[in-house]
Amino acid sequence: MTLYKKALIYMLVCLVLFLAGCSPAGWGIDNEFSGVDKISDESGNEQVKYEDLTAEEWLGMLEPGDFKGYGFTIATSRLYRFVPEEEMAGMVNPVLKKRNELVNAKYNVNIKEIYYEESQLFNKLANAALAGVQFSDLLSVTMPTMAAFASSGYLLNLFSVPFFNPEASYLNTETVKRSVVSDYMYAIYDRTTFYQEDFWCIFYNEDRLPSGAGDEISRIVKEGDWTWDKLMEYAVYAAAEVMQKRSPDYQKDVFGLGSHSDKNGFSISAFVSSGLSLFGDTYHKKLSYSMDSDKGNAAADKIREITSSKAYFGLSGEDASKAFLEGRLAFYAYRVEFAKKVCETKLNWGIAPLPKIDESQTNYLSYVGSSAAGLSVPSHQTNSGRTGMVLNAILAASYVNLDEAIKTNYITFCLRDNDAAIMLSGIFENPVLDIGSIYAKGFDRLSLLTDETILKAINQDVSFAYLFLNNASELEVINSNEFR
């Protein structure tokens, strides 16, 4: 690529990011600030909004300390999220390097990343816990592995880690609150760990849609009218031939909508992205069903209608990815990171947020899938105070800079046009986590009360009101024994 083209791309990226900050009301974005805004924490104390401070200013407000060049280790199953890969091009490495320099300047620690496959980690962490020795300072693994560690007692409750502040304004308070059950929090999900790449979204192939549909999708997304009904209108159009078949051929036929997850996984992601939550607020509160069952039933009906349509592709995983990359799917629900593969094809493709369940839904919500990695603290810390202080610093030093660097990387190297860049900015705006996705794979009883409950409502057409009543005794058990 010539220097002229690189400069042109850079100017385009800057313009797109500026325009993304001026998003229409349909996104639910508010980037207007007057002076230095203040917000109040739960104790009523005023805090300066994080958006009005630089990473350096936030670090200056943290507790002082000097840890004499300590090698601060993060055991992870995801490489190059905490230390830069020096030879890799792009905008992320300089931000990682700057973040680590800021943390080093604040606490005199050197961040080190140690890679393990998740299958290796369980035994290593278990052996360290049994021996009563420290395994690492922090741990970053996917949700199912983290939940297994937490239920086995190999992780510290983050509320017990000295100095750690889950209510700090530099964190996404919504994702923090939705990852807490009662007084327990075993992992924090934030821009620090690249969880943006695990936000679910919709990829689409314009060549399988009516002429001008790409522009139409961009318009209705911006206006806040992008719903599953609208997507399925296009999906049925794309799958016109297979809709007439008794026995579709999943290796050759064209379908309207597919997902990397199986139908159950897709159903959970669609339900969570509707904004509905079985328990509502679980931050320092016991699990208690509080969702409007009528709204839940309506969402379940909608999702069942989608997955039972002939337009819905019956395979998942690599089979589904292959079908989209071959041009045999009009829409594909998967993680943002899939854009890295799609951009290598000649598809005439676009990207959009997960649709709203209906027009009454306030915002588009990006489901954070279970492949997302958080930050946890292994048990048996040699200096838990140091761990808490450095954890705060890593989170604060990531600021919005890392978020913008990841976004800009996709805009520069993957996305096709300005509309796609604006769509990506919107996808990054409103991540949504679910207690079931985070913890159910490690706590068996919780799975019954969360994912299995949602799937019974969808797959078996069982009323949420009945399920809530039927689960009452089991809910009391888990409140008493697991998250007490």
Protein backbone atom coordinates (compact mmCIF):
# COMPACT_ATOMS: atom_id res chain seq x y z
CA MET A 1 0.00 0.00 0.00
CA THR A 2 1.39 3.43 -0.95
CA LEU A 3 1.98 6.18 1.60
CA TYR A 4 -0.75 8.19 -0.12
CA LYS A 5 -3.28 5.36 0.36
CA LYS A 6 -2.27 4.87 3.98
CA ALA A 7 -2.71 8.57 4.64
CA LEU A 8 -6.09 8.51 2.92
CA ILE A 9 -7.24 5.55 5.04
CA TYR A 10 -6.06 7.28 8.21
CA MET A 11 -8.00 10.46 7.36
CA LEU A 12 -11.07 8.38 6.53
CA VAL A 13 -10.84 6.55 9.87
CA CYS A 14 -10.60 9.85 11.77
CA LEU A 15 -13.63 11.19 9.90
CA VAL A 16 -15.65 8.02 10.52
CA LEU A 17 -14.87 8.01 14.23
CA PHE A 18 -15.89 11.67 14.42
CA LEU A 19 -19.14 10.97 12.62
CA ALA A 20 -19.79 7.92 14.80
CA GLY A 21 -19.81 10.23 17.79
CA CYS A 22 -22.75 12.03 16.17
CA SER A 23 -24.93 8.94 15.93
CA PRO A 24 -28.69 9.25 15.42
CA ALA A 25 -31.10 8.76 18.29
CA GLY A 26 -31.79 5.16 17.28
CA TRP A 27 -28.49 4.07 18.75
CA GLY A 28 -29.21 5.47 22.19
CA ILE A 29 -25.80 7.23 22.21
CA ASP A 30 -25.14 10.44 24.14
CA ASN A 31 -21.68 11.92 23.77
CA GLU A 32 -22.54 15.48 24.84
CA PHE A 33 -20.73 16.83 27.90
CA SER A 34 -20.94 20.27 29.42
CA GLY A 35 -17.82 21.09 31.36
CA VAL A 36 -16.83 18.35 33.80
CA ASP A 37 -19.87 16.24 34.59
CA LYS A 38 -20.32 14.58 37.94
CA ILE A 39 -22.01 11.33 38.85
CA SER A 40 -22.81 9.87 42.26
CA ASP A 41 -21.77 6.42 43.39
CA GLU A 42 -24.01 4.25 45.57
CA SER A 43 -22.87 6.02 48.75
CA GLY A 44 -23.84 9.40 47.28
CA ASN A 45 -20.27 10.61 46.77
CA GLU A 46 -19.66 12.62 43.63
CA GLN A 47 -17.18 11.30 41.09
CA VAL A 48 -15.90 12.93 37.93
CA LYS A 49 -17.13 11.17 34.82
CA TYR A 50 -14.35 9.05 33.36
CA GLU A 51 -14.88 10.45 29.87
CA ASP A 52 -13.63 13.82 31.12
CA LEU A 53 -10.30 12.49 32.37
CA THR A 54 -7.27 11.04 30.64
CA ALA A 55 -5.79 7.68 31.62
CA GLU A 56 -2.88 9.54 33.19
CA GLU A 57 -5.25 11.64 35.31
CA TRP A 58 -7.13 8.58 36.54
CA LEU A 59 -3.91 6.80 37.44
CA GLY A 60 -2.88 9.87 39.40
CA MET A 61 -5.99 9.43 41.56
CA LEU A 62 -5.18 5.83 42.51
CA GLU A 63 -3.32 4.80 45.65
CA PRO A 64 0.45 5.37 45.52
CA GLY A 65 2.88 2.45 45.62
CA ASP A 66 6.28 1.16 44.54
CA PHE A 67 6.71 -2.57 43.97
CA LYS A 68 10.40 -2.45 43.05
CA GLY A 69 10.22 -3.80 39.49
CA TYR A 70 8.02 -6.77 40.41
CA GLY A 71 7.16 -9.07 37.51
CA PHE A 72 3.35 -8.96 37.50
CA THR A 73 2.14 -12.11 35.72
CA ILE A 74 -1.13 -12.63 33.86
CA ALA A 75 -1.86 -16.25 32.93
CA THR A 76 -4.03 -16.24 29.84
CA SER A 77 -5.42 -18.40 27.06
CA ARG A 78 -5.45 -15.39 24.71
CA LEU A 79 -2.09 -14.16 23.47
CA TYR A 80 -1.06 -10.51 23.01
CA ARG A 81 -3.89 -8.93 24.95
CA PHE A 82 -1.70 -7.76 27.80
CA VAL A 83 1.71 -7.36 26.17
CA PRO A 84 2.20 -6.24 22.56
CA GLU A 85 3.36 -8.48 19.74
CA GLU A 86 6.10 -6.21 18.49
CA GLU A 87 6.07 -7.39 14.88
CA MET A 88 2.31 -7.07 14.38
CA ALA A 89 1.13 -4.05 12.39
CA GLY A 90 -1.81 -1.95 13.48
CA MET A 91 -3.02 0.48 16.09
CA VAL A 92 -3.40 -1.84 19.10
CA ASN A 93 0.23 -2.58 19.94
CA PRO A 94 1.19 1.05 20.61
CA VAL A 95 -1.79 1.38 22.95
CA LEU A 96 -0.86 -1.81 24.84
CA LYS A 97 2.70 -0.59 25.14
CA LYS A 98 1.55 2.81 26.41
CA ARG A 99 -0.82 1.17 28.90
CA ASN A 100 1.93 -0.99 30.35
CA GLU A 101 4.30 1.98 30.54
CA LEU A 102 1.70 3.94 32.50
CA VAL A 103 1.17 1.06 34.94
CA ASN A 104 4.93 0.64 35.32
CA ALA A 105 5.36 4.36 35.99
CA LYS A 106 2.59 4.24 38.61
CA TYR A 107 3.61 1.12 40.54
CA ASN A 108 7.02 0.03 39.23
CA VAL A 109 5.78 -3.37 38.01
CA ASN A 110 6.53 -5.15 34.75
CA ILE A 111 3.50 -6.85 33.23
CA LYS A 112 4.22 -10.32 31.90
CA GLU A 113 1.87 -12.52 29.88
CA ILE A 114 2.08 -16.31 30.30
CA TYR A 115 0.15 -18.39 27.77
CA TYR A 116 -1.57 -21.69 28.54
CA GLU A 117 -4.23 -23.68 26.77
CA GLU A 118 -7.36 -23.70 28.91
CA SER A 119 -7.18 -27.48 29.20
CA GLN A 120 -3.79 -27.08 30.90
CA LEU A 121 -4.84 -24.34 33.26
CA PHE A 122 -7.22 -26.28 35.46
CA ASN A 123 -4.58 -28.72 36.75
CA LYS A 124 -1.96 -26.00 37.16
CA LEU A 125 -4.30 -23.74 39.09
CA ALA A 126 -5.62 -26.64 41.17
CA ASN A 127 -2.12 -27.81 42.07
CA ALA A 128 -1.10 -24.31 43.13
CA ALA A 129 -4.22 -23.93 45.27
CA LEU A 130 -3.64 -27.31 46.95
CA ALA A 131 -0.03 -26.36 47.65
CA GLY A 132 -1.10 -22.98 49.00
CA VAL A 133 1.17 -21.07 46.61
CA GLN A 134 0.50 -18.33 44.10
CA PHE A 135 -0.07 -19.43 40.52
CA SER A 136 -0.18 -15.96 38.92
CA ASP A 137 -1.26 -12.45 39.82
CA LEU A 138 -4.18 -12.40 37.41
CA LEU A 139 -5.94 -14.91 35.17
CA SER A 140 -7.78 -14.35 31.88
CA VAL A 141 -9.84 -17.23 30.47
CA THR A 142 -13.21 -17.74 28.79
CA MET A 143 -16.44 -17.74 30.78
CA PRO A 144 -16.97 -21.54 31.09
CA THR A 145 -13.40 -22.10 32.32
CA MET A 146 -13.63 -19.18 34.73
CA ALA A 147 -16.92 -20.49 36.13
CA ALA A 148 -15.39 -23.94 36.66
CA PHE A 149 -12.48 -22.35 38.55
CA ALA A 150 -14.83 -20.22 40.65
CA SER A 151 -17.08 -23.13 41.66
CA SER A 152 -13.98 -25.15 42.61
CA GLY A 153 -12.73 -22.38 44.91
CA TYR A 154 -9.67 -21.50 42.82
CA LEU A 155 -10.56 -17.82 42.39
CA LEU A 156 -10.92 -14.96 44.83
CA ASN A 157 -14.17 -13.08 45.06
CA LEU A 158 -13.11 -9.72 43.61
CA PHE A 159 -14.99 -7.92 46.40
CA SER A 160 -12.46 -9.42 48.81
CA VAL A 161 -9.43 -8.13 46.87
CA PRO A 162 -8.01 -5.06 48.69
CA PHE A 163 -8.20 -1.74 46.82
CA PHE A 164 -10.15 -3.19 43.88
CA ASN A 165 -12.99 -0.79 43.06
CA PRO A 166 -15.80 -2.29 40.96
CA GLU A 167 -17.70 1.01 41.07
CA ALA A 168 -14.88 3.08 39.58
CA SER A 169 -16.08 5.42 36.85
CA TYR A 170 -13.49 4.14 34.39
CA LEU A 171 -15.38 0.86 34.18
CA ASN A 172 -18.54 0.03 32.24
CA THR A 173 -20.86 -0.02 35.25
CA GLU A 174 -23.59 -1.92 33.39
CA THR A 175 -21.37 -4.89 32.50
CA VAL A 176 -19.90 -4.86 36.02
CA LYS A 177 -23.31 -4.99 37.67
CA ARG A 178 -24.53 -7.73 35.35
CA SER A 179 -21.56 -9.95 36.24
CA VAL A 180 -22.28 -9.85 39.99
CA VAL A 181 -24.48 -12.34 41.83
CA SER A 182 -25.34 -11.28 45.37
CA ASP A 183 -21.96 -10.24 46.81
CA TYR A 184 -19.90 -12.38 44.42
CA MET A 185 -17.88 -11.35 41.40
CA TYR A 186 -15.22 -13.66 40.04
CA ALA A 187 -14.29 -11.88 36.81
CA ILE A 188 -14.46 -8.41 35.39
CA TYR A 189 -15.36 -7.93 31.73
CA ASP A 190 -14.07 -4.72 30.26
CA ARG A 191 -12.32 -3.26 27.21
CA THR A 192 -9.05 -4.25 28.90
CA THR A 193 -9.44 -7.88 27.84
CA PHE A 194 -10.55 -7.26 24.22
CA TYR A 195 -14.06 -8.43 25.00
CA GLN A 196 -15.22 -6.25 22.10
CA GLU A 197 -14.13 -9.00 19.71
CA ASP A 198 -16.65 -11.32 21.37
CA PHE A 199 -19.63 -9.00 20.87
CA TRP A 200 -22.21 -10.74 18.73
CA CYS A 201 -23.48 -9.00 15.61
CA ILE A 202 -24.97 -9.73 12.19
CA PHE A 203 -22.93 -10.18 9.02
CA TYR A 204 -24.84 -10.03 5.77
CA ASN A 205 -24.25 -10.76 2.08
CA GLU A 206 -25.78 -8.03 -0.08
CA ASP A 207 -25.73 -10.26 -3.16
CA ARG A 208 -28.37 -12.48 -1.51
CA LEU A 209 -30.67 -9.52 -0.82
CA PRO A 210 -32.83 -7.28 -3.01
CA SER A 211 -31.07 -4.45 -4.83
CA GLY A 212 -30.34 -1.58 -2.47
CA ALA A 213 -30.94 -3.66 0.68
CA GLY A 214 -27.50 -2.82 2.08
CA ASP A 215 -28.29 0.90 2.09
CA GLU A 216 -31.75 0.17 3.46
CA ILE A 217 -30.36 -1.89 6.35
CA SER A 218 -27.91 0.89 7.22
CA ARG A 219 -30.73 3.43 7.19
CA ILE A 220 -33.14 1.48 9.37
CA VAL A 221 -30.37 0.60 11.83
CA LYS A 222 -29.52 4.30 12.21
CA GLU A 223 -33.19 5.15 12.66
CA GLY A 224 -33.58 2.53 15.39
CA ASP A 225 -35.98 0.32 13.42
CA TRP A 226 -33.79 -2.76 12.83
CA THR A 227 -35.81 -5.71 14.23
CA TRP A 228 -35.77 -9.49 13.88
CA ASP A 229 -38.99 -9.22 11.86
CA LYS A 230 -37.24 -6.99 9.33
CA LEU A 231 -34.23 -9.30 9.14
CA MET A 232 -36.48 -12.32 8.60
CA GLU A 233 -38.28 -10.57 5.72
CA TYR A 234 -34.94 -10.40 3.94
CA ALA A 235 -33.98 -13.91 5.09
CA VAL A 236 -37.13 -15.45 3.63
CA TYR A 237 -36.50 -13.57 0.36
CA ALA A 238 -32.97 -15.02 0.18
CA ALA A 239 -34.19 -18.55 0.97
CA ALA A 240 -37.09 -18.52 -1.52
CA GLU A 241 -36.04 -21.77 -3.19
CA VAL A 242 -35.32 -23.71 -0.03
CA MET A 243 -38.64 -22.55 1.48
CA GLN A 244 -40.37 -24.71 -1.15
CA LYS A 245 -38.30 -27.82 -0.44
CA ARG A 246 -39.29 -30.65 1.84
CA SER A 247 -35.68 -31.70 2.52
CA PRO A 248 -33.14 -28.86 2.25
CA ASP A 249 -29.52 -29.67 1.35
CA TYR A 250 -27.32 -27.94 3.93
CA GLN A 251 -24.25 -28.42 1.77
CA LYS A 252 -25.60 -26.74 -1.37
CA ASP A 253 -28.77 -24.72 -0.79
CA VAL A 254 -29.02 -21.01 0.00
CA PHE A 255 -30.48 -20.03 3.38
CA GLY A 256 -31.55 -16.79 4.95
CA LEU A 257 -30.03 -16.87 8.43
CA GLY A 258 -27.40 -18.95 10.20
CA SER A 259 -25.38 -18.82 13.40
CA HIS A 260 -22.06 -20.13 14.57
CA SER A 261 -23.84 -21.35 17.72
CA ASP A 262 -26.36 -24.15 17.55
CA LYS A 263 -30.03 -23.22 17.79
CA ASN A 264 -29.91 -23.16 21.58
CA GLY A 265 -26.89 -20.87 21.65
CA PHE A 266 -28.43 -18.58 19.05
CA SER A 267 -31.69 -18.49 21.01
CA ILE A 268 -29.89 -17.41 24.18
CA SER A 269 -27.98 -14.66 22.36
CA ALA A 270 -31.17 -13.33 20.75
CA PHE A 271 -33.04 -13.40 24.06
CA VAL A 272 -30.31 -11.61 26.01
CA SER A 273 -29.88 -9.01 23.26
CA SER A 274 -33.58 -8.17 23.67
CA GLY A 275 -32.69 -6.48 26.95
CA LEU A 276 -34.78 -8.93 28.97
CA SER A 277 -33.20 -10.36 32.11
CA LEU A 278 -34.68 -13.15 34.20
CA PHE A 279 -33.34 -11.71 37.44
CA GLY A 280 -33.03 -8.02 36.75
CA ASP A 281 -30.67 -6.41 39.23
CA THR A 282 -28.39 -8.96 40.93
CA TYR A 283 -25.77 -6.45 42.14
CA HIS A 284 -25.42 -7.19 45.87
CA LYS A 285 -28.85 -8.81 45.73
CA LYS A 286 -30.08 -12.38 45.85
CA LEU A 287 -31.28 -14.07 42.69
CA SER A 288 -34.96 -13.34 42.29
CA TYR A 289 -37.06 -13.67 39.14
CA SER A 290 -38.27 -10.20 38.26
CA MET A 291 -38.73 -10.26 34.48
CA ASP A 292 -42.13 -9.43 33.05
CA SER A 293 -43.26 -12.91 32.01
CA ASP A 294 -45.59 -11.62 29.29
CA LYS A 295 -42.72 -9.75 27.60
CA GLY A 296 -40.52 -12.83 28.02
CA ASN A 297 -43.15 -15.05 26.45
CA ALA A 298 -43.49 -12.69 23.48
CA ALA A 299 -39.71 -12.73 22.95
CA ALA A 300 -39.66 -16.53 23.23
CA ASP A 301 -42.42 -16.79 20.61
CA LYS A 302 -40.47 -14.55 18.26
CA ILE A 303 -37.23 -16.52 18.62
CA ARG A 304 -39.04 -19.86 18.20
CA GLU A 305 -40.56 -18.54 14.98
CA ILE A 306 -37.09 -17.65 13.70
CA THR A 307 -35.39 -20.95 14.49
CA SER A 308 -38.29 -23.06 13.18
CA SER A 309 -38.33 -21.23 9.83
CA LYS A 310 -37.06 -23.10 6.79
CA ALA A 311 -34.97 -20.01 6.10
CA TYR A 312 -32.87 -20.82 9.19
CA PHE A 313 -29.71 -22.83 8.47
CA GLY A 314 -29.72 -26.12 10.36
CA LEU A 315 -25.98 -26.49 10.97
CA SER A 316 -23.63 -24.56 13.24
CA GLY A 317 -19.93 -24.09 13.95
CA GLU A 318 -17.52 -24.29 11.03
CA ASP A 319 -20.26 -25.68 8.79
CA ALA A 320 -22.22 -22.46 9.24
CA SER A 321 -19.14 -20.25 8.83
CA LYS A 322 -18.25 -22.10 5.64
CA ALA A 323 -21.76 -21.62 4.26
CA PHE A 324 -21.57 -17.84 4.80
CA LEU A 325 -18.07 -17.56 3.37
CA GLU A 326 -19.23 -19.53 0.32
CA GLY A 327 -22.08 -17.07 -0.18
CA ARG A 328 -24.90 -19.45 0.79
CA LEU A 329 -26.21 -17.46 3.76
CA ALA A 330 -27.81 -14.03 3.58
CA PHE A 331 -27.29 -13.32 7.31
CA TYR A 332 -24.89 -14.80 9.85
CA ALA A 333 -24.88 -14.23 13.61
CA TYR A 334 -21.41 -14.43 15.10
CA ARG A 335 -18.68 -12.54 16.95
CA VAL A 336 -17.18 -9.29 15.67
CA GLU A 337 -13.85 -11.10 15.25
CA PHE A 338 -15.32 -13.06 12.31
CA ALA A 339 -14.83 -9.89 10.24
CA LYS A 340 -11.14 -10.85 9.99
CA LYS A 341 -12.16 -13.89 7.92
CA VAL A 342 -14.93 -12.29 5.91
CA CYS A 343 -12.67 -9.47 4.73
CA GLU A 344 -10.41 -12.01 3.02
CA THR A 345 -13.24 -13.07 0.70
CA LYS A 346 -14.78 -11.37 -2.32
CA LEU A 347 -18.20 -11.23 -0.71
CA ASN A 348 -20.20 -8.02 -1.02
CA TRP A 349 -20.77 -7.96 2.73
CA GLY A 350 -21.88 -5.68 5.52
CA ILE A 351 -22.20 -5.68 9.29
CA ALA A 352 -25.08 -4.68 11.59
CA PRO A 353 -25.97 -4.97 15.28
CA LEU A 354 -28.15 -7.78 16.57
CA PRO A 355 -31.71 -6.65 15.82
CA LYS A 356 -34.21 -5.46 18.42
CA ILE A 357 -36.84 -7.97 19.50
CA ASP A 358 -39.47 -5.34 18.57
CA GLU A 359 -39.83 -1.60 18.06
CA SER A 360 -40.33 -0.93 21.78
CA GLN A 361 -36.77 -2.02 22.64
CA THR A 362 -34.74 1.06 23.54
CA ASN A 363 -31.25 0.21 22.24
CA TYR A 364 -29.43 -2.37 20.16
CA LEU A 365 -27.58 -4.63 22.58
CA SER A 366 -24.45 -6.61 21.72
CA TYR A 367 -24.54 -9.98 23.43
CA VAL A 368 -21.16 -10.79 24.99
CA GLY A 369 -20.68 -14.47 24.22
CA SER A 370 -19.16 -17.07 26.52
CA SER A 371 -15.93 -17.00 24.48
CA ALA A 372 -15.18 -13.61 26.06
CA ALA A 373 -12.28 -13.58 28.51
CA GLY A 374 -12.41 -11.52 31.69
CA LEU A 375 -9.88 -10.80 34.42
CA SER A 376 -9.88 -12.91 37.59
CA VAL A 377 -7.65 -13.19 40.65
CA PRO A 378 -6.40 -16.71 41.49
CA SER A 379 -6.58 -17.75 45.12
CA HIS A 380 -3.45 -17.70 47.34
CA GLN A 381 -1.98 -14.32 46.46
CA THR A 382 1.38 -13.43 48.03
CA ASN A 383 0.28 -9.81 48.17
CA SER A 384 -3.41 -9.34 47.41
CA GLY A 385 -3.17 -5.60 48.07
CA ARG A 386 -0.59 -5.24 45.32
CA THR A 387 -2.80 -7.30 43.01
CA GLY A 388 -5.81 -5.08 43.65
CA MET A 389 -3.83 -1.88 43.10
CA VAL A 390 -2.25 -3.06 39.85
CA LEU A 391 -5.58 -4.46 38.61
CA ASN A 392 -7.13 -1.01 39.12
CA ALA A 393 -4.23 0.57 37.25
CA ILE A 394 -4.50 -1.81 34.28
CA LEU A 395 -8.22 -1.12 33.99
CA ALA A 396 -7.80 2.65 34.33
CA ALA A 397 -4.86 2.84 31.94
CA SER A 398 -6.83 1.03 29.22
CA TYR A 399 -9.26 3.98 29.11
CA VAL A 400 -11.15 4.43 25.84
CA ASN A 401 -7.85 4.33 23.98
CA LEU A 402 -7.83 0.54 23.65
CA ASP A 403 -11.47 0.53 22.61
CA GLU A 404 -10.73 3.04 19.85
CA ALA A 405 -7.57 1.21 18.76
CA ILE A 406 -9.42 -2.10 18.34
CA LYS A 407 -12.24 -0.36 16.49
CA THR A 408 -9.81 1.52 14.23
CA ASN A 409 -7.97 -1.70 13.40
CA TYR A 410 -11.21 -3.23 12.12
CA ILE A 411 -12.15 -0.09 10.20
CA THR A 412 -8.73 0.12 8.55
CA PHE A 413 -8.01 -3.53 7.77
CA CYS A 414 -11.41 -5.28 7.58
CA LEU A 415 -14.46 -3.13 6.92
CA ARG A 416 -15.57 -2.05 3.47
CA ASP A 417 -17.05 1.42 3.83
CA ASN A 418 -18.22 4.26 6.06
CA ASP A 419 -21.56 2.63 6.81
CA ALA A 420 -19.83 -0.49 8.13
CA ALA A 421 -17.59 1.67 10.31
CA ILE A 422 -20.60 3.46 11.79
CA MET A 423 -22.32 0.10 12.38
CA LEU A 424 -19.24 -1.17 14.24
CA SER A 425 -19.16 1.93 16.44
CA GLY A 426 -22.77 1.24 17.40
CA ILE A 427 -22.06 -2.45 18.09
CA PHE A 428 -19.32 -1.39 20.51
CA GLU A 429 -21.63 0.98 22.38
CA ASN A 430 -23.95 -1.31 24.34
CA PRO A 431 -22.53 -4.69 25.38
CA VAL A 432 -24.84 -6.85 27.46
CA LEU A 433 -23.82 -9.71 29.75
CA ASP A 434 -25.97 -12.42 31.25
CA ILE A 435 -25.51 -14.28 34.53
CA GLY A 436 -26.32 -17.57 32.82
CA SER A 437 -23.72 -17.11 30.10
CA ILE A 438 -21.06 -16.17 32.66
CA TYR A 439 -21.59 -18.72 35.42
CA ALA A 440 -23.99 -21.50 34.36
CA LYS A 441 -21.29 -23.78 32.90
CA GLY A 442 -19.57 -23.94 36.31
CA PHE A 443 -22.58 -23.96 38.62
CA ASP A 444 -24.95 -26.73 37.55
CA ARG A 445 -27.94 -25.50 39.53
CA LEU A 446 -27.61 -22.05 37.98
CA SER A 447 -27.86 -23.54 34.48
CA LEU A 448 -31.28 -24.96 35.36
CA LEU A 449 -32.44 -21.54 36.52
CA THR A 450 -31.06 -19.50 33.62
CA ASP A 451 -30.25 -20.96 30.19
CA GLU A 452 -32.43 -24.04 30.60
CA THR A 453 -35.35 -21.90 31.72
CA ILE A 454 -35.04 -19.63 28.68
CA LEU A 455 -34.74 -22.62 26.34
CA LYS A 456 -37.81 -24.33 27.80
CA ALA A 457 -39.81 -21.19 27.15
CA ILE A 458 -38.53 -20.99 23.57
CA ASN A 459 -38.31 -24.62 22.49
CA GLN A 460 -41.25 -26.07 24.43
CA ASP A 461 -43.53 -23.01 24.52
CA VAL A 462 -43.71 -23.10 28.32
CA SER A 463 -44.82 -19.91 30.07
CA PHE A 464 -42.17 -18.04 32.05
CA ALA A 465 -44.72 -17.54 34.84
CA TYR A 466 -45.02 -21.32 35.21
CA LEU A 467 -41.24 -21.81 35.01
CA PHE A 468 -40.59 -19.16 37.67
CA LEU A 469 -43.05 -20.84 40.02
CA ASN A 470 -41.63 -24.27 39.27
CA ASN A 471 -38.04 -23.08 39.91
CA ALA A 472 -38.78 -21.34 43.21
CA SER A 473 -37.41 -24.03 45.53
CA GLU A 474 -34.28 -24.55 43.44
CA LEU A 475 -33.71 -20.80 43.39
CA GLU A 476 -33.77 -20.75 47.17
CA VAL A 477 -31.23 -23.58 47.29
CA ILE A 478 -28.72 -21.80 45.10
CA ASN A 479 -29.17 -18.55 47.02
CA SER A 480 -28.47 -20.45 50.26
CA ASN A 481 -25.63 -22.69 49.09
CA GLU A 482 -23.83 -21.11 46.15
CA PHE A 483 -24.06 -17.32 46.22
CA ARG A 484 -24.88 -16.74 49.88
